């Protein structure tokens, strides 16, 4: 749950950063400078990297949860989970 909340916070930060980038570019144009725009570009890149890492962490947690569920199913005598519906049907029918 904490990871999901964190992902939502990243999205909110991205929206705020996008608005700030527009302002920074406008100020740079008036001041004939590029430091603000470059700084926002670096922050955008860092935020995208953070979002990517968070998504990978979420995916890893999902995989681990599925593996733990499969182990519990097997330990409880429910058999092994089937990767495809056709395999599950074959197993239920005693075909495979």
C-alpha atoms as a PDB file:
ATOM      1  CA  UNK A   1       0.000   0.000   0.000  1.00  0.00           C
ATOM      2  CA  UNK A   2       2.851   2.366   0.816  1.00  0.00           C
ATOM      3  CA  UNK A   3       4.330   1.769  -2.634  1.00  0.00           C
ATOM      4  CA  UNK A   4       1.022   2.630  -4.301  1.00  0.00           C
ATOM      5  CA  UNK A   5       0.791   5.855  -2.290  1.00  0.00           C
ATOM      6  CA  UNK A   6       4.372   6.665  -3.248  1.00  0.00           C
ATOM      7  CA  UNK A   7       3.554   6.123  -6.934  1.00  0.00           C
ATOM      8  CA  UNK A   8       0.652   8.576  -6.631  1.00  0.00           C
ATOM      9  CA  UNK A   9       2.955  11.103  -4.983  1.00  0.00           C
ATOM     10  CA  UNK A  10       5.419  10.731  -7.858  1.00  0.00           C
ATOM     11  CA  UNK A  11       2.606  11.486 -10.322  1.00  0.00           C
ATOM     12  CA  UNK A  12       1.636  14.584  -8.324  1.00  0.00           C
ATOM     13  CA  UNK A  13       5.243  15.724  -8.208  1.00  0.00           C
ATOM     14  CA  UNK A  14       5.498  15.242 -11.971  1.00  0.00           C
ATOM     15  CA  UNK A  15       2.479  17.514 -12.503  1.00  0.00           C
ATOM     16  CA  UNK A  16       3.990  20.176 -10.261  1.00  0.00           C
ATOM     17  CA  UNK A  17       7.347  19.861 -11.968  1.00  0.00           C
ATOM     18  CA  UNK A  18       5.739  20.180 -15.408  1.00  0.00           C
ATOM     19  CA  UNK A  19       4.088  23.446 -14.379  1.00  0.00           C
ATOM     20  CA  UNK A  20       7.371  24.710 -12.936  1.00  0.00           C
ATOM     21  CA  UNK A  21       9.230  23.825 -16.124  1.00  0.00           C
ATOM     22  CA  UNK A  22       6.905  26.040 -18.164  1.00  0.00           C
ATOM     23  CA  UNK A  23       7.546  28.942 -15.791  1.00  0.00           C
ATOM     24  CA  UNK A  24      11.307  28.343 -15.821  1.00  0.00           C
ATOM     25  CA  UNK A  25      11.429  28.322 -19.610  1.00  0.00           C
ATOM     26  CA  UNK A  26       9.433  31.542 -19.738  1.00  0.00           C
ATOM     27  CA  UNK A  27      11.766  33.240 -17.265  1.00  0.00           C
ATOM     28  CA  UNK A  28      14.826  31.971 -19.146  1.00  0.00           C
ATOM     29  CA  UNK A  29      13.467  33.504 -22.324  1.00  0.00           C
ATOM     30  CA  UNK A  30      12.974  36.879 -20.661  1.00  0.00           C
ATOM     31  CA  UNK A  31      16.391  36.793 -18.983  1.00  0.00           C
ATOM     32  CA  UNK A  32      18.195  35.294 -22.004  1.00  0.00           C
ATOM     33  CA  UNK A  33      19.521  32.471 -19.834  1.00  0.00           C
ATOM     34  CA  UNK A  34      19.098  28.707 -19.801  1.00  0.00           C
ATOM     35  CA  UNK A  35      20.019  27.666 -16.264  1.00  0.00           C
ATOM     36  CA  UNK A  36      16.427  27.313 -15.022  1.00  0.00           C
ATOM     37  CA  UNK A  37      15.346  25.238 -17.981  1.00  0.00           C
ATOM     38  CA  UNK A  38      18.379  22.988 -17.686  1.00  0.00           C
ATOM     39  CA  UNK A  39      17.799  22.490 -13.966  1.00  0.00           C
ATOM     40  CA  UNK A  40      14.174  21.515 -14.584  1.00  0.00           C
ATOM     41  CA  UNK A  41      15.236  19.142 -17.366  1.00  0.00           C
ATOM     42  CA  UNK A  42      17.611  17.415 -14.936  1.00  0.00           C
ATOM     43  CA  UNK A  43      14.877  17.185 -12.300  1.00  0.00           C
ATOM     44  CA  UNK A  44      12.481  15.756 -14.897  1.00  0.00           C
ATOM     45  CA  UNK A  45      15.045  13.132 -15.845  1.00  0.00           C
ATOM     46  CA  UNK A  46      15.606  12.234 -12.194  1.00  0.00           C
ATOM     47  CA  UNK A  47      11.845  11.983 -11.598  1.00  0.00           C
ATOM     48  CA  UNK A  48      11.406   9.702 -14.619  1.00  0.00           C
ATOM     49  CA  UNK A  49      14.218   7.486 -13.306  1.00  0.00           C
ATOM     50  CA  UNK A  50      12.558   7.390  -9.884  1.00  0.00           C
ATOM     51  CA  UNK A  51       9.243   6.425 -11.470  1.00  0.00           C
ATOM     52  CA  UNK A  52      10.956   3.658 -13.475  1.00  0.00           C
ATOM     53  CA  UNK A  53      12.662   2.254 -10.391  1.00  0.00           C
ATOM     54  CA  UNK A  54       9.399   2.425  -8.436  1.00  0.00           C
ATOM     55  CA  UNK A  55       7.564   0.575 -11.220  1.00  0.00           C
ATOM     56  CA  UNK A  56      10.247  -2.128 -11.224  1.00  0.00           C
ATOM     57  CA  UNK A  57       9.996  -2.452  -7.437  1.00  0.00           C
ATOM     58  CA  UNK A  58       6.220  -2.782  -7.742  1.00  0.00           C
ATOM     59  CA  UNK A  59       6.624  -5.468 -10.392  1.00  0.00           C
ATOM     60  CA  UNK A  60       9.142  -7.368  -8.255  1.00  0.00           C
ATOM     61  CA  UNK A  61       6.802  -7.244  -5.260  1.00  0.00           C
ATOM     62  CA  UNK A  62       3.953  -8.577  -7.394  1.00  0.00           C
ATOM     63  CA  UNK A  63       6.098 -11.459  -8.642  1.00  0.00           C
ATOM     64  CA  UNK A  64       7.201 -12.289  -5.098  1.00  0.00           C
ATOM     65  CA  UNK A  65       3.596 -12.198  -3.874  1.00  0.00           C
ATOM     66  CA  UNK A  66       2.542 -14.562  -6.665  1.00  0.00           C
ATOM     67  CA  UNK A  67       5.411 -16.916  -5.829  1.00  0.00           C
ATOM     68  CA  UNK A  68       4.473 -16.872  -2.153  1.00  0.00           C
ATOM     69  CA  UNK A  69       0.861 -17.631  -3.079  1.00  0.00           C
ATOM     70  CA  UNK A  70       1.984 -20.532  -5.249  1.00  0.00           C
ATOM     71  CA  UNK A  71       4.065 -21.929  -2.388  1.00  0.00           C
ATOM     72  CA  UNK A  72       1.108 -21.657  -0.015  1.00  0.00           C
ATOM     73  CA  UNK A  73      -1.157 -23.407  -2.517  1.00  0.00           C
ATOM     74  CA  UNK A  74       1.331 -26.225  -2.923  1.00  0.00           C
ATOM     75  CA  UNK A  75       1.952 -26.521   0.831  1.00  0.00           C
ATOM     76  CA  UNK A  76      -1.775 -26.662   1.549  1.00  0.00           C
ATOM     77  CA  UNK A  77      -2.140 -29.646  -0.783  1.00  0.00           C
ATOM     78  CA  UNK A  78      -3.821 -27.678  -3.523  1.00  0.00           C
ATOM     79  CA  UNK A  79      -1.253 -28.643  -6.145  1.00  0.00           C
ATOM     80  CA  UNK A  80       0.857 -26.371  -8.261  1.00  0.00           C
ATOM     81  CA  UNK A  81      -0.603 -23.306  -9.969  1.00  0.00           C
ATOM     82  CA  UNK A  82      -0.864 -23.630 -13.730  1.00  0.00           C
ATOM     83  CA  UNK A  83       0.588 -20.902 -15.956  1.00  0.00           C
ATOM     84  CA  UNK A  84      -2.164 -21.245 -18.568  1.00  0.00           C
ATOM     85  CA  UNK A  85      -5.897 -21.845 -18.294  1.00  0.00           C
ATOM     86  CA  UNK A  86      -5.660 -24.781 -20.718  1.00  0.00           C
ATOM     87  CA  UNK A  87      -3.164 -26.506 -18.407  1.00  0.00           C
ATOM     88  CA  UNK A  88      -5.471 -25.976 -15.444  1.00  0.00           C
ATOM     89  CA  UNK A  89      -8.398 -27.511 -17.351  1.00  0.00           C
ATOM     90  CA  UNK A  90      -6.278 -30.481 -18.442  1.00  0.00           C
ATOM     91  CA  UNK A  91      -5.144 -31.001 -14.857  1.00  0.00           C
ATOM     92  CA  UNK A  92      -8.705 -30.851 -13.512  1.00  0.00           C
ATOM     93  CA  UNK A  93      -9.850 -33.334 -16.141  1.00  0.00           C
ATOM     94  CA  UNK A  94      -6.886 -35.592 -15.383  1.00  0.00           C
ATOM     95  CA  UNK A  95      -5.547 -35.295 -18.904  1.00  0.00           C
ATOM     96  CA  UNK A  96      -2.214 -33.637 -18.160  1.00  0.00           C
END
